[in-house]
Amino acid sequence: MTRALRWLYGALFNHLLTKLTALVLASGFFIFTRDDVTRRFTIPLKVNTDPRRVLLTKLPDTVTVELHGSWARMNRLSSHDLGSAQLDLAGARPGPLELDPATIVMPPGVIFRGMDYEKVDLRFDPVIERAVLISAAVRGLVHPDYEHTGTRVDPPRWRVHGGSKIVGELANLNTDPIDVSGATSDVEMVVGLGQLREGAEYTGVAPGEVPKVTVSVAIRPKLSERRYEVPLTWPVDQEAPYGAPLKVAAVVRGPVPSLRQIDAIPSAVVATVQLQKPQEDAPVGAVMVDLGLSEAVPPALRANLTLEPDQERIILPPPPAEKPLDGAGRGH
């Protein structure tokens, strides 16, 4: 047993330096003389756009390349060392996608064997530019006493650049929402336009930005009227003649908010009465009534209102004939 252990020890450790040197040389010889190998790498596809055309085809995101070289070199190679495959759409022709291997960075000592990617047909749409009408997105209802009478956008159109199919189908451009809920006066806001579909972009702004426009919403009070039965008040030194009316009709017209104010004023409409005596050529008398707003109505409110009629002439009926007394005119 002791002799066997001494033999094993001598086999392992006698001339140790010589043995290690031989091992290193053998390993190096194995590595550098090993057969060449083939490997596949996946790299990104970088696309350079064509300003004259819009690509309608969905391109693959990556490309698989097959490379050949020594085992040592291929073992150190990574996808990052190859960069990306390039596609210049300015020089591409409609039809099957064809990638040029020359666009891929090939490290020294590596041989290109092939390339594999999704087979697609390139389809293009020519680029056009046109001015598209802008539509304001007005939301909400104004105050019930008011009405929305119109909307103006400045500028009214914006130019859009992109593929003829996409740009040609744009009927209008929408703004961001403008809320006018409960508004009682004109609303003016600066808002942005909505995002466009892929393949179209706004002109005059930086890529990815949206234009700003001014939207003016016109709001005015609703118009209405109030009908009044105005009592006739006679001067203290006069009595109402036979057939004179007790009341006359009048109509006050104006904005609803102003009419609501006048509703709260008692006797807002007054009538001034003037009796016209019968003339020889017109034995029937008449009453001239002048209508107006009372002094209780403020001047600013009075300026918003109209009154009809402002004057009315009422013809009085003739008084009934006096009945003769019994026996009057009889002889004795």
Protein backbone atom coordinates (compact mmCIF):
# COMPACT_ATOMS: atom_id res chain seq x y z
CA MET A 1 0.00 0.00 0.00
CA THR A 2 2.83 2.40 0.79
CA ARG A 3 4.57 1.59 -2.50
CA ALA A 4 1.37 2.39 -4.44
CA LEU A 5 0.95 5.76 -2.75
CA ARG A 6 4.57 6.68 -3.47
CA TRP A 7 4.07 5.80 -7.09
CA LEU A 8 0.92 7.96 -7.35
CA TYR A 9 2.63 10.87 -5.66
CA GLY A 10 5.57 10.66 -8.07
CA ALA A 11 3.26 10.48 -11.07
CA LEU A 12 1.48 13.65 -9.98
CA PHE A 13 4.23 15.85 -8.62
CA ASN A 14 7.57 14.74 -10.08
CA HIS A 15 8.65 17.22 -12.78
CA LEU A 16 5.54 19.31 -12.03
CA LEU A 17 6.70 22.40 -14.00
CA THR A 18 7.35 20.33 -17.09
CA LYS A 19 3.94 18.76 -16.85
CA LEU A 20 2.14 22.13 -16.44
CA THR A 21 3.99 23.55 -19.42
CA ALA A 22 2.96 20.62 -21.54
CA LEU A 23 -0.69 21.02 -20.42
CA VAL A 24 -0.76 24.72 -21.38
CA LEU A 25 0.78 24.01 -24.78
CA ALA A 26 -1.68 21.21 -25.44
CA SER A 27 -4.65 23.36 -24.46
CA GLY A 28 -3.51 26.22 -26.69
CA PHE A 29 -2.93 23.88 -29.58
CA PHE A 30 -6.43 22.45 -29.10
CA ILE A 31 -8.05 25.87 -29.00
CA PHE A 32 -6.28 27.37 -31.99
CA THR A 33 -6.46 24.31 -34.18
CA ARG A 34 -10.07 23.44 -33.42
CA ASP A 35 -12.40 23.28 -36.46
CA ASP A 36 -14.30 26.43 -37.62
CA VAL A 37 -17.90 26.81 -36.45
CA THR A 38 -21.09 28.49 -37.69
CA ARG A 39 -23.35 30.56 -35.41
CA ARG A 40 -26.58 32.55 -35.80
CA PHE A 41 -27.08 36.03 -34.35
CA THR A 42 -30.24 38.18 -34.09
CA ILE A 43 -29.70 41.89 -34.76
CA PRO A 44 -32.12 44.86 -35.08
CA LEU A 45 -33.31 46.23 -38.41
CA LYS A 46 -32.82 50.00 -38.73
CA VAL A 47 -35.00 51.75 -41.33
CA ASN A 48 -34.23 55.09 -42.97
CA THR A 49 -37.49 56.66 -44.18
CA ASP A 50 -38.20 58.16 -47.58
CA PRO A 51 -39.56 61.75 -47.36
CA ARG A 52 -41.41 61.30 -50.65
CA ARG A 53 -43.30 58.14 -49.69
CA VAL A 54 -45.00 56.52 -46.73
CA LEU A 55 -44.37 52.82 -46.16
CA LEU A 56 -47.61 50.85 -45.75
CA THR A 57 -45.91 47.54 -44.94
CA LYS A 58 -45.17 46.33 -41.39
CA LEU A 59 -41.45 45.54 -41.39
CA PRO A 60 -39.73 42.93 -39.17
CA ASP A 61 -38.01 44.34 -36.11
CA THR A 62 -35.04 41.97 -36.25
CA VAL A 63 -32.92 39.99 -38.72
CA THR A 64 -31.09 36.70 -38.12
CA VAL A 65 -27.63 36.37 -39.71
CA GLU A 66 -25.53 33.23 -40.04
CA LEU A 67 -21.75 33.70 -39.68
CA HIS A 68 -18.78 31.33 -39.97
CA GLY A 69 -15.31 31.50 -38.38
CA SER A 70 -12.86 29.92 -36.02
CA TRP A 71 -14.17 28.57 -32.77
CA ALA A 72 -12.13 31.04 -30.74
CA ARG A 73 -13.27 34.06 -32.73
CA MET A 74 -16.91 33.01 -32.90
CA ASN A 75 -16.95 32.27 -29.19
CA ARG A 76 -16.00 35.89 -28.43
CA LEU A 77 -18.48 37.41 -30.92
CA SER A 78 -21.83 38.89 -29.76
CA SER A 79 -24.83 40.47 -31.50
CA HIS A 80 -23.71 43.89 -30.25
CA ASP A 81 -20.50 43.60 -32.29
CA LEU A 82 -22.56 43.32 -35.50
CA GLY A 83 -24.55 46.52 -35.07
CA SER A 84 -27.77 46.49 -37.11
CA ALA A 85 -29.01 45.68 -40.57
CA GLN A 86 -29.84 48.81 -42.60
CA LEU A 87 -32.75 49.48 -44.96
CA ASP A 88 -32.85 52.74 -46.93
CA LEU A 89 -36.41 53.20 -48.17
CA ALA A 90 -35.37 56.05 -50.49
CA GLY A 91 -33.77 53.48 -52.78
CA ALA A 92 -36.16 50.60 -52.13
CA ARG A 93 -38.49 49.40 -54.86
CA PRO A 94 -42.02 48.08 -54.34
CA GLY A 95 -42.07 44.32 -54.05
CA PRO A 96 -40.30 41.69 -51.92
CA LEU A 97 -38.12 43.03 -49.13
CA GLU A 98 -34.42 42.70 -49.94
CA LEU A 99 -31.74 43.53 -47.37
CA ASP A 100 -28.11 44.17 -48.35
CA PRO A 101 -25.63 42.13 -46.23
CA ALA A 102 -23.04 44.84 -46.87
CA THR A 103 -24.84 47.08 -44.38
CA ILE A 104 -23.92 44.71 -41.52
CA VAL A 105 -20.60 45.23 -39.70
CA MET A 106 -18.46 42.09 -40.31
CA PRO A 107 -15.61 41.58 -37.82
CA PRO A 108 -12.25 40.46 -39.26
CA GLY A 109 -11.94 36.73 -39.83
CA VAL A 110 -15.70 36.17 -39.93
CA ILE A 111 -17.50 34.99 -43.05
CA PHE A 112 -21.12 35.88 -43.87
CA ARG A 113 -23.10 32.75 -44.70
CA GLY A 114 -26.70 33.95 -44.94
CA MET A 115 -29.52 36.11 -43.64
CA ASP A 116 -33.01 35.16 -42.50
CA TYR A 117 -35.95 37.57 -41.98
CA GLU A 118 -39.71 37.77 -42.43
CA LYS A 119 -40.64 37.87 -46.10
CA VAL A 120 -42.89 40.85 -46.78
CA ASP A 121 -43.78 42.94 -49.83
CA LEU A 122 -42.95 46.64 -49.70
CA ARG A 123 -45.92 48.88 -50.49
CA PHE A 124 -45.72 52.67 -50.60
CA ASP A 125 -48.12 55.59 -50.61
CA PRO A 126 -47.04 58.97 -52.06
CA VAL A 127 -46.82 61.89 -49.60
CA ILE A 128 -49.23 64.83 -49.99
CA GLU A 129 -50.01 67.97 -47.99
CA ARG A 130 -53.38 69.69 -47.63
CA ALA A 131 -55.19 72.16 -45.38
CA VAL A 132 -57.86 70.44 -43.28
CA LEU A 133 -60.83 72.17 -41.63
CA ILE A 134 -60.71 72.36 -37.81
CA SER A 135 -63.81 71.41 -35.81
CA ALA A 136 -64.11 72.73 -32.24
CA ALA A 137 -65.16 70.11 -29.67
CA VAL A 138 -67.60 72.16 -27.55
CA ARG A 139 -68.97 70.24 -24.54
CA GLY A 140 -71.70 71.02 -22.04
CA LEU A 141 -74.81 73.24 -22.01
CA VAL A 142 -74.80 76.97 -21.37
CA HIS A 143 -77.02 78.57 -18.71
CA PRO A 144 -80.74 77.90 -19.41
CA ASP A 145 -81.39 81.63 -19.95
CA TYR A 146 -78.65 81.80 -22.62
CA GLU A 147 -77.95 80.20 -25.98
CA HIS A 148 -74.86 79.15 -27.91
CA THR A 149 -75.01 81.15 -31.14
CA GLY A 150 -71.77 80.24 -32.90
CA THR A 151 -68.19 79.00 -32.71
CA ARG A 152 -65.11 80.38 -34.45
CA VAL A 153 -61.68 78.74 -34.73
CA ASP A 154 -58.55 80.79 -35.49
CA PRO A 155 -56.99 79.66 -37.76
CA PRO A 156 -59.91 77.74 -39.28
CA ARG A 157 -57.64 75.18 -41.04
CA TRP A 158 -54.26 73.51 -40.49
CA ARG A 159 -51.99 71.86 -43.03
CA VAL A 160 -51.35 68.12 -42.63
CA HIS A 161 -48.49 66.20 -44.26
CA GLY A 162 -48.49 62.44 -44.88
CA GLY A 163 -49.59 59.56 -47.06
CA SER A 164 -52.21 60.38 -49.65
CA LYS A 165 -54.64 57.73 -48.35
CA ILE A 166 -54.52 58.84 -44.72
CA VAL A 167 -54.42 62.60 -45.38
CA GLY A 168 -57.06 62.33 -48.10
CA GLU A 169 -59.51 60.67 -45.70
CA LEU A 170 -59.26 63.47 -43.11
CA ALA A 171 -62.61 65.28 -43.19
CA ASN A 172 -61.74 67.56 -40.27
CA LEU A 173 -59.37 68.01 -37.34
CA ASN A 174 -60.76 67.98 -33.80
CA THR A 175 -59.65 70.24 -30.96
CA ASP A 176 -59.32 69.30 -27.33
CA PRO A 177 -62.70 69.65 -25.53
CA ILE A 178 -63.95 73.13 -24.56
CA ASP A 179 -66.40 73.04 -21.63
CA VAL A 180 -69.11 75.76 -21.68
CA SER A 181 -71.33 74.28 -18.96
CA GLY A 182 -73.39 77.04 -17.30
CA ALA A 183 -71.68 79.83 -19.27
CA THR A 184 -73.42 83.24 -19.40
CA SER A 185 -70.92 85.08 -21.63
CA ASP A 186 -68.58 84.43 -24.54
CA VAL A 187 -65.87 81.81 -23.96
CA GLU A 188 -62.41 82.02 -25.58
CA MET A 189 -59.74 79.35 -25.07
CA VAL A 190 -56.41 78.31 -26.60
CA VAL A 191 -56.49 74.53 -27.08
CA GLY A 192 -54.49 71.89 -28.89
CA LEU A 193 -55.51 69.73 -31.82
CA GLY A 194 -55.96 65.98 -31.44
CA GLN A 195 -53.29 63.42 -32.32
CA LEU A 196 -53.19 62.24 -35.92
CA ARG A 197 -53.10 58.66 -37.16
CA GLU A 198 -49.74 57.08 -37.81
CA GLY A 199 -48.52 58.13 -41.24
CA ALA A 200 -49.68 61.77 -40.95
CA GLU A 201 -48.25 64.77 -39.10
CA TYR A 202 -48.91 68.47 -38.63
CA THR A 203 -46.79 71.00 -40.47
CA GLY A 204 -45.30 74.05 -38.78
CA VAL A 205 -44.63 72.34 -35.43
CA ALA A 206 -41.86 70.15 -34.07
CA PRO A 207 -42.24 66.38 -34.57
CA GLY A 208 -44.54 64.92 -31.94
CA GLU A 209 -46.05 68.30 -31.00
CA VAL A 210 -49.61 69.40 -31.75
CA PRO A 211 -50.64 72.88 -32.96
CA LYS A 212 -52.49 75.36 -30.74
CA VAL A 213 -55.57 77.23 -31.98
CA THR A 214 -57.93 79.82 -30.47
CA VAL A 215 -61.58 78.81 -30.11
CA SER A 216 -64.21 81.54 -29.53
CA VAL A 217 -67.69 80.44 -28.44
CA ALA A 218 -70.40 83.12 -28.82
CA ILE A 219 -73.07 83.06 -26.09
CA ARG A 220 -75.96 85.50 -25.76
CA PRO A 221 -79.13 85.77 -23.66
CA LYS A 222 -82.25 84.19 -25.06
CA LEU A 223 -84.94 86.64 -26.20
CA SER A 224 -88.49 86.39 -24.88
CA GLU A 225 -91.44 88.56 -23.90
CA ARG A 226 -93.84 89.30 -21.08
CA ARG A 227 -97.48 90.23 -21.54
CA TYR A 228 -99.12 92.63 -19.11
CA GLU A 229 -102.63 93.81 -18.45
CA VAL A 230 -102.02 97.41 -17.35
CA PRO A 231 -104.83 99.01 -15.33
CA LEU A 232 -105.91 102.53 -16.31
CA THR A 233 -105.71 104.97 -13.45
CA TRP A 234 -107.67 108.19 -13.99
CA PRO A 235 -106.69 111.56 -12.55
CA VAL A 236 -108.43 112.38 -9.31
CA ASP A 237 -110.39 115.19 -10.96
CA GLN A 238 -111.72 112.94 -13.72
CA GLU A 239 -114.10 110.05 -13.89
CA ALA A 240 -113.85 107.27 -16.37
CA PRO A 241 -116.24 108.03 -19.20
CA TYR A 242 -118.84 105.59 -20.36
CA GLY A 243 -117.29 102.61 -22.20
CA ALA A 244 -113.71 103.37 -21.13
CA PRO A 245 -111.68 100.14 -20.60
CA LEU A 246 -110.35 99.21 -17.20
CA LYS A 247 -107.09 97.75 -18.59
CA VAL A 248 -104.95 97.77 -21.75
CA ALA A 249 -102.62 95.03 -23.01
CA ALA A 250 -98.87 95.64 -23.35
CA VAL A 251 -95.90 93.43 -24.33
CA VAL A 252 -92.36 93.85 -22.98
CA ARG A 253 -89.64 92.16 -25.06
CA GLY A 254 -85.97 91.62 -24.26
CA PRO A 255 -83.32 89.20 -22.95
CA VAL A 256 -84.60 86.56 -20.53
CA PRO A 257 -82.23 87.66 -17.69
CA SER A 258 -83.58 91.22 -17.98
CA LEU A 259 -87.17 89.99 -18.05
CA ARG A 260 -86.52 88.03 -14.86
CA GLN A 261 -85.41 91.26 -13.21
CA ILE A 262 -88.47 93.15 -14.32
CA ASP A 263 -90.67 90.32 -13.06
CA ALA A 264 -89.58 91.26 -9.55
CA ILE A 265 -90.61 94.93 -9.92
CA PRO A 266 -94.26 95.63 -8.97
CA SER A 267 -96.20 97.73 -11.50
CA ALA A 268 -93.23 97.81 -13.88
CA VAL A 269 -95.50 99.01 -16.73
CA VAL A 270 -97.64 102.09 -16.20
CA ALA A 271 -100.27 103.84 -18.30
CA THR A 272 -101.01 107.57 -18.52
CA VAL A 273 -104.59 108.34 -19.60
CA GLN A 274 -105.78 111.42 -21.51
CA LEU A 275 -109.42 111.91 -22.45
CA GLN A 276 -110.12 113.35 -25.89
CA LYS A 277 -113.50 115.12 -26.05
CA PRO A 278 -115.78 114.62 -29.02
CA GLN A 279 -115.38 117.02 -31.93
CA GLU A 280 -118.14 118.42 -34.08
CA ASP A 281 -117.10 116.20 -36.99
CA ALA A 282 -116.57 113.23 -34.67
CA PRO A 283 -119.16 113.23 -31.94
CA VAL A 284 -117.66 110.09 -30.39
CA GLY A 285 -114.93 110.67 -27.80
CA ALA A 286 -111.65 108.75 -27.36
CA VAL A 287 -109.09 107.85 -24.70
CA MET A 288 -105.36 108.29 -25.44
CA VAL A 289 -103.21 105.91 -23.36
CA ASP A 290 -99.44 106.42 -23.11
CA LEU A 291 -97.62 103.28 -21.93
CA GLY A 292 -94.13 103.16 -20.42
CA LEU A 293 -91.89 101.60 -17.83
CA SER A 294 -92.16 102.94 -14.34
CA GLU A 295 -89.48 104.91 -12.54
CA ALA A 296 -88.75 101.78 -10.49
CA VAL A 297 -87.08 100.18 -13.54
CA PRO A 298 -83.33 101.08 -13.51
CA PRO A 299 -82.06 102.90 -16.63
CA ALA A 300 -79.56 100.12 -17.46
CA LEU A 301 -82.37 97.55 -17.39
CA ARG A 302 -84.72 99.87 -19.32
CA ALA A 303 -82.13 100.06 -22.15
CA ASN A 304 -82.40 96.30 -22.74
CA LEU A 305 -86.18 96.25 -23.11
CA THR A 306 -88.79 97.35 -25.61
CA LEU A 307 -92.46 98.02 -24.94
CA GLU A 308 -95.28 97.62 -27.43
CA PRO A 309 -97.41 99.54 -27.92
CA ASP A 310 -96.06 102.71 -26.41
CA GLN A 311 -99.31 104.52 -27.16
CA GLU A 312 -102.86 103.42 -27.87
CA ARG A 313 -105.97 105.39 -28.85
CA ILE A 314 -109.24 103.85 -27.74
CA ILE A 315 -112.48 105.02 -29.32
CA LEU A 316 -115.27 105.32 -26.78
CA PRO A 317 -118.73 104.04 -27.62
CA PRO A 318 -121.56 106.61 -27.67
CA PRO A 319 -123.48 106.78 -24.45
CA PRO A 320 -126.91 105.17 -24.51
CA ALA A 321 -129.82 107.41 -25.45
CA GLU A 322 -131.85 108.69 -22.53
CA LYS A 323 -135.26 107.08 -22.21
CA PRO A 324 -138.18 109.55 -22.26
CA LEU A 325 -140.19 109.89 -19.06
CA ASP A 326 -143.66 108.34 -18.94
CA GLY A 327 -146.20 110.82 -20.34
CA ALA A 328 -143.56 113.14 -21.67
CA GLY A 329 -144.69 114.93 -24.77
CA ARG A 330 -148.32 113.95 -24.26
CA GLY A 331 -150.88 116.67 -24.63
CA HIS A 332 -153.60 117.47 -22.01
